C-alpha atoms as a PDB file:
ATOM      1  CA  MET A   1      49.706  41.266  79.492  1.00  0.00           C
ATOM      2  CA  MET A   2      49.795  38.151  81.649  1.00  0.00           C
ATOM      3  CA  SER A   3      51.881  35.210  80.592  1.00  0.00           C
ATOM      4  CA  ASP A   4      50.432  31.728  80.349  1.00  0.00           C
ATOM      5  CA  SER A   5      52.558  30.655  83.314  1.00  0.00           C
ATOM      6  CA  THR A   6      50.988  33.195  85.691  1.00  0.00           C
ATOM      7  CA  VAL A   7      49.406  31.494  88.690  1.00  0.00           C
ATOM      8  CA  PRO A   8      45.923  32.842  89.461  1.00  0.00           C
ATOM      9  CA  PHE A   9      45.437  34.483  92.846  1.00  0.00           C
ATOM     10  CA  GLY A  10      42.189  35.260  94.607  1.00  0.00           C
ATOM     11  CA  HIS A  11      39.533  33.908  96.904  1.00  0.00           C
ATOM     12  CA  GLY A  12      37.499  31.027  95.612  1.00  0.00           C
ATOM     13  CA  TYR A  13      36.285  27.524  96.224  1.00  0.00           C
ATOM     14  CA  ALA A  14      36.588  24.102  94.673  1.00  0.00           C
ATOM     15  CA  GLU A  15      33.780  21.695  93.910  1.00  0.00           C
ATOM     16  CA  ILE A  16      34.834  18.083  93.868  1.00  0.00           C
ATOM     17  CA  PRO A  17      32.208  15.652  92.561  1.00  0.00           C
ATOM     18  CA  LEU A  18      32.608  12.179  94.035  1.00  0.00           C
ATOM     19  CA  GLY A  19      31.785   9.113  91.984  1.00  0.00           C
ATOM     20  CA  ARG A  20      28.893   6.814  92.897  1.00  0.00           C
ATOM     21  CA  SER A  21      31.374   4.123  93.871  1.00  0.00           C
ATOM     22  CA  ALA A  22      33.334   4.807  97.042  1.00  0.00           C
ATOM     23  CA  GLY A  23      36.329   3.065  95.498  1.00  0.00           C
ATOM     24  CA  LYS A  24      36.617   5.525  92.631  1.00  0.00           C
ATOM     25  CA  PRO A  25      39.305   8.189  92.763  1.00  0.00           C
ATOM     26  CA  ILE A  26      38.174  11.791  93.009  1.00  0.00           C
ATOM     27  CA  LYS A  27      38.206  13.553  89.647  1.00  0.00           C
ATOM     28  CA  SER A  28      37.427  16.915  88.082  1.00  0.00           C
ATOM     29  CA  ILE A  29      38.278  19.652  90.535  1.00  0.00           C
ATOM     30  CA  HIS A  30      36.744  22.967  89.493  1.00  0.00           C
ATOM     31  CA  VAL A  31      38.281  26.016  91.117  1.00  0.00           C
ATOM     32  CA  TYR A  32      36.225  29.173  90.739  1.00  0.00           C
ATOM     33  CA  GLN A  33      37.599  32.592  91.532  1.00  0.00           C
ATOM     34  CA  LEU A  34      36.133  36.002  90.862  1.00  0.00           C
ATOM     35  CA  GLU A  35      34.609  35.958  87.374  1.00  0.00           C
ATOM     36  CA  GLU A  36      36.965  33.390  85.898  1.00  0.00           C
ATOM     37  CA  SER A  37      37.170  29.692  86.501  1.00  0.00           C
ATOM     38  CA  LEU A  38      40.198  27.466  86.461  1.00  0.00           C
ATOM     39  CA  ASN A  39      39.337  23.842  85.759  1.00  0.00           C
ATOM     40  CA  VAL A  40      41.905  21.278  86.783  1.00  0.00           C
ATOM     41  CA  ASP A  41      41.466  17.565  86.175  1.00  0.00           C
ATOM     42  CA  LEU A  42      43.143  15.617  88.943  1.00  0.00           C
ATOM     43  CA  GLU A  43      42.856  11.995  89.893  1.00  0.00           C
ATOM     44  CA  PHE A  44      43.832  10.714  93.314  1.00  0.00           C
ATOM     45  CA  GLU A  45      42.707   8.334  96.014  1.00  0.00           C
ATOM     46  CA  ASP A  46      43.933   9.997  99.203  1.00  0.00           C
ATOM     47  CA  LEU A  47      41.846  12.836 100.633  1.00  0.00           C
ATOM     48  CA  SER A  48      44.984  14.379 102.127  1.00  0.00           C
ATOM     49  CA  MET A  49      46.151  15.141  98.602  1.00  0.00           C
ATOM     50  CA  LEU A  50      43.515  17.887  98.467  1.00  0.00           C
ATOM     51  CA  GLU A  51      46.141  20.014 100.157  1.00  0.00           C
ATOM     52  CA  MET A  52      47.819  20.420  96.765  1.00  0.00           C
ATOM     53  CA  ILE A  53      44.999  22.693  95.640  1.00  0.00           C
ATOM     54  CA  PHE A  54      46.027  25.225  98.263  1.00  0.00           C
ATOM     55  CA  ARG A  55      49.604  25.389  97.029  1.00  0.00           C
ATOM     56  CA  VAL A  56      48.977  27.006  93.652  1.00  0.00           C
ATOM     57  CA  GLY A  57      48.829  30.596  94.853  1.00  0.00           C
ATOM     58  CA  PHE A  58      45.237  31.265  95.904  1.00  0.00           C
ATOM     59  CA  ARG A  59      43.029  30.645  98.902  1.00  0.00           C
ATOM     60  CA  ALA A  60      40.199  28.205  98.409  1.00  0.00           C
ATOM     61  CA  SER A  61      37.593  26.319 100.326  1.00  0.00           C
ATOM     62  CA  VAL A  62      36.813  22.815  99.157  1.00  0.00           C
ATOM     63  CA  LYS A  63      33.386  21.196  99.012  1.00  0.00           C
ATOM     64  CA  LEU A  64      33.169  17.464  98.464  1.00  0.00           C
ATOM     65  CA  LEU A  65      29.971  16.804  96.520  1.00  0.00           C
ATOM     66  CA  GLU A  66      28.265  13.432  96.522  1.00  0.00           C
ATOM     67  CA  ASN A  67      25.712  12.323  93.937  1.00  0.00           C
ATOM     68  CA  LYS A  68      22.485  11.254  95.681  1.00  0.00           C
ATOM     69  CA  SER A  69      19.833  10.234  93.141  1.00  0.00           C
ATOM     70  CA  GLY A  70      20.996  12.811  90.620  1.00  0.00           C
ATOM     71  CA  ASP A  71      21.410  15.656  93.128  1.00  0.00           C
ATOM     72  CA  TYR A  72      24.793  16.726  94.410  1.00  0.00           C
ATOM     73  CA  ILE A  73      24.902  17.297  98.150  1.00  0.00           C
ATOM     74  CA  VAL A  74      27.775  18.697 100.169  1.00  0.00           C
ATOM     75  CA  ARG A  75      29.362  15.806 102.013  1.00  0.00           C
ATOM     76  CA  GLN A  76      32.205  17.728 103.593  1.00  0.00           C
ATOM     77  CA  ARG A  77      33.678  21.238 103.624  1.00  0.00           C
ATOM     78  CA  ILE A  78      37.397  21.722 103.969  1.00  0.00           C
ATOM     79  CA  LYS A  79      39.012  25.058 104.761  1.00  0.00           C
ATOM     80  CA  PRO A  80      42.607  25.691 103.736  1.00  0.00           C
ATOM     81  CA  LYS A  81      45.286  25.517 106.407  1.00  0.00           C
ATOM     82  CA  PHE A  82      47.969  28.089 105.755  1.00  0.00           C
ATOM     83  CA  ARG A  83      51.445  27.577 107.129  1.00  0.00           C
ATOM     84  CA  ALA A  84      54.048  30.220 107.837  1.00  0.00           C
ATOM     85  CA  ARG A  85      56.939  29.961 105.429  1.00  0.00           C
END
């Protein structure tokens, strides 16, 4: 039985909806992996802080989604950069 503190591991991706206003912080990062999803609500202003999503024990690709007239389009894709420890 897994404990609640177990960090998920797997291959997945994150969808990050951007607000209509460019000045709004990014919120609601959804990380999907295999058949389960891990939803994490984060709020930050600096795009470089996306790196934190790659430090929780799984590999992910990030898609920044922008709302254009009710449709979300992919504005940018970010692949994780792994460093040797």
